[in-house]
Structure formats: C-alpha cells, structure tokens
Amino acid sequence: MVDSVQVEDAVEREAELAAQQRKIVNRLRRAQGQLAAVVKAVDSGADCRDVVIQLAAVSKALDRAGYAIVATAMRNCIVDPESESLTQDELEKLFLTLA
C-alpha cells in the first residue's frame, strides 16, 4: 500500500526533475545562441581573438549543461536506486566523457 507521504515525495521529485530539465534546456538554448554568434562572426570575418573568446563561451556552456545532465541522473539514482536509471559505472563513464 502506498501512503500519502510516498505519493507526495514522488510528486515533489517529478517537479524537481522538471525544473532541472528546464534549466538544462535553457543552458542549451543559450549555448545555441552563442554558437550562432560564433558562426556569424566567422562569416563576417571578425577578429580571431573575438571568435575564440565566443567559442570558449559556447564550450563552457555545453560543458555546464553536460554536467547538469549527469548530476541530475546521479540524484535520481541516489533517490530511487531501483529505477531504470543509469548504473553507477555508466554515470561514471558519462562524467569522465565530459572531463
């Protein structure tokens, strides 16, 4: 039998997951906009230094989104180890892929 506390916890976790996904999508959209600016700068013959600085910003934004994705998966794994989420080894490999 599922009690109301378990249901409330599940609803809260789902809301938290949805909020994290929104943040990740926002980070990716920001990176997408930054990348569009890099393409435009290259097309217009912008200064190499400016292009590299913008490209570094894109790279950092993508890294942060990747870390947020892995961190969210890790939290889900800790909260609900019986779920069909990634194994500890799979999470570690994903994390190291970003490093």
Protein backbone atom coordinates (compact mmCIF):
# COMPACT_ATOMS: atom_id res chain seq x y z
CA MET A 1 0.00 0.00 0.00
CA VAL A 2 1.33 3.42 -0.96
CA ASP A 3 0.85 6.08 1.66
CA SER A 4 0.32 9.77 1.03
CA VAL A 5 3.88 10.66 2.06
CA GLN A 6 5.32 8.42 -0.65
CA VAL A 7 2.97 9.95 -3.22
CA GLU A 8 3.94 13.48 -2.11
CA ASP A 9 7.63 12.56 -2.33
CA ALA A 10 7.17 11.18 -5.84
CA VAL A 11 5.30 14.30 -6.96
CA GLU A 12 7.99 16.51 -5.44
CA ARG A 13 10.75 14.53 -7.21
CA GLU A 14 8.91 14.84 -10.53
CA ALA A 15 8.56 18.60 -10.06
CA GLU A 16 12.26 18.86 -9.19
CA LEU A 17 13.19 16.83 -12.27
CA ALA A 18 11.04 19.03 -14.50
CA ALA A 19 12.70 22.15 -13.05
CA GLN A 20 16.16 20.69 -13.66
CA GLN A 21 15.24 19.79 -17.23
CA ARG A 22 14.05 23.36 -17.86
CA LYS A 23 17.36 24.70 -16.57
CA ILE A 24 19.30 22.31 -18.80
CA VAL A 25 17.23 23.24 -21.85
CA ASN A 26 17.79 26.93 -21.08
CA ARG A 27 21.56 26.34 -20.88
CA LEU A 28 21.50 24.52 -24.21
CA ARG A 29 19.46 27.27 -25.87
CA ARG A 30 21.91 29.85 -24.55
CA ALA A 31 24.79 27.80 -26.00
CA GLN A 32 22.90 27.53 -29.28
CA GLY A 33 22.60 31.32 -29.41
CA GLN A 34 26.28 31.72 -28.60
CA LEU A 35 27.21 29.27 -31.34
CA ALA A 36 25.07 31.17 -33.83
CA ALA A 37 27.02 34.29 -32.86
CA VAL A 38 30.30 32.46 -33.48
CA VAL A 39 29.15 31.35 -36.95
CA LYS A 40 28.04 34.90 -37.75
CA ALA A 41 31.37 36.29 -36.52
CA VAL A 42 33.34 33.87 -38.68
CA ASP A 43 31.13 34.61 -41.71
CA SER A 44 31.67 38.33 -41.27
CA GLY A 45 35.44 37.99 -40.86
CA ALA A 46 35.55 39.04 -37.22
CA ASP A 47 38.79 39.26 -35.31
CA CYS A 48 40.25 35.85 -34.45
CA ARG A 49 40.52 36.73 -30.75
CA ASP A 50 36.82 37.63 -30.56
CA VAL A 51 35.81 34.41 -32.32
CA VAL A 52 37.93 32.26 -29.99
CA ILE A 53 36.52 34.02 -26.90
CA GLN A 54 32.96 33.41 -28.13
CA LEU A 55 33.81 29.80 -28.96
CA ALA A 56 35.20 29.29 -25.45
CA ALA A 57 31.91 30.60 -24.03
CA VAL A 58 29.98 28.08 -26.15
CA SER A 59 32.23 25.26 -24.98
CA LYS A 60 31.81 26.23 -21.33
CA ALA A 61 28.02 26.48 -21.69
CA LEU A 62 27.88 23.00 -23.23
CA ASP A 63 30.12 21.58 -20.50
CA ARG A 64 27.87 23.03 -17.82
CA ALA A 65 24.80 21.57 -19.48
CA GLY A 66 26.50 18.18 -19.67
CA TYR A 67 27.47 18.29 -16.00
CA ALA A 68 23.91 19.29 -15.09
CA ILE A 69 22.55 16.31 -17.03
CA VAL A 70 24.91 13.88 -15.28
CA ALA A 71 24.25 15.47 -11.87
CA THR A 72 20.51 15.10 -12.38
CA ALA A 73 20.96 11.44 -13.30
CA MET A 74 23.11 10.92 -10.21
CA ARG A 75 20.48 12.49 -7.95
CA ASN A 76 17.79 10.30 -9.47
CA CYS A 77 19.95 7.23 -8.96
CA ILE A 78 20.53 8.09 -5.29
CA VAL A 79 16.89 8.92 -4.60
CA ASP A 80 15.50 5.89 -6.41
CA PRO A 81 18.18 3.21 -6.85
CA GLU A 82 15.59 0.69 -8.05
CA SER A 83 14.60 2.82 -11.04
CA GLU A 84 15.70 2.02 -14.55
CA SER A 85 18.19 4.86 -14.50
CA LEU A 86 21.87 4.53 -15.29
CA THR A 87 24.16 2.32 -13.26
CA GLN A 88 26.96 3.80 -11.19
CA ASP A 89 29.51 2.64 -13.78
CA GLU A 90 27.53 4.22 -16.63
CA LEU A 91 27.27 7.51 -14.73
CA GLU A 92 30.99 7.48 -14.05
CA LYS A 93 31.76 6.89 -17.73
CA LEU A 94 29.45 9.73 -18.74
CA PHE A 95 31.03 12.06 -16.22
CA LEU A 96 34.53 11.19 -17.41
CA THR A 97 33.44 11.78 -21.00
CA LEU A 98 32.86 15.41 -20.06
CA ALA A 99 36.21 15.81 -18.31
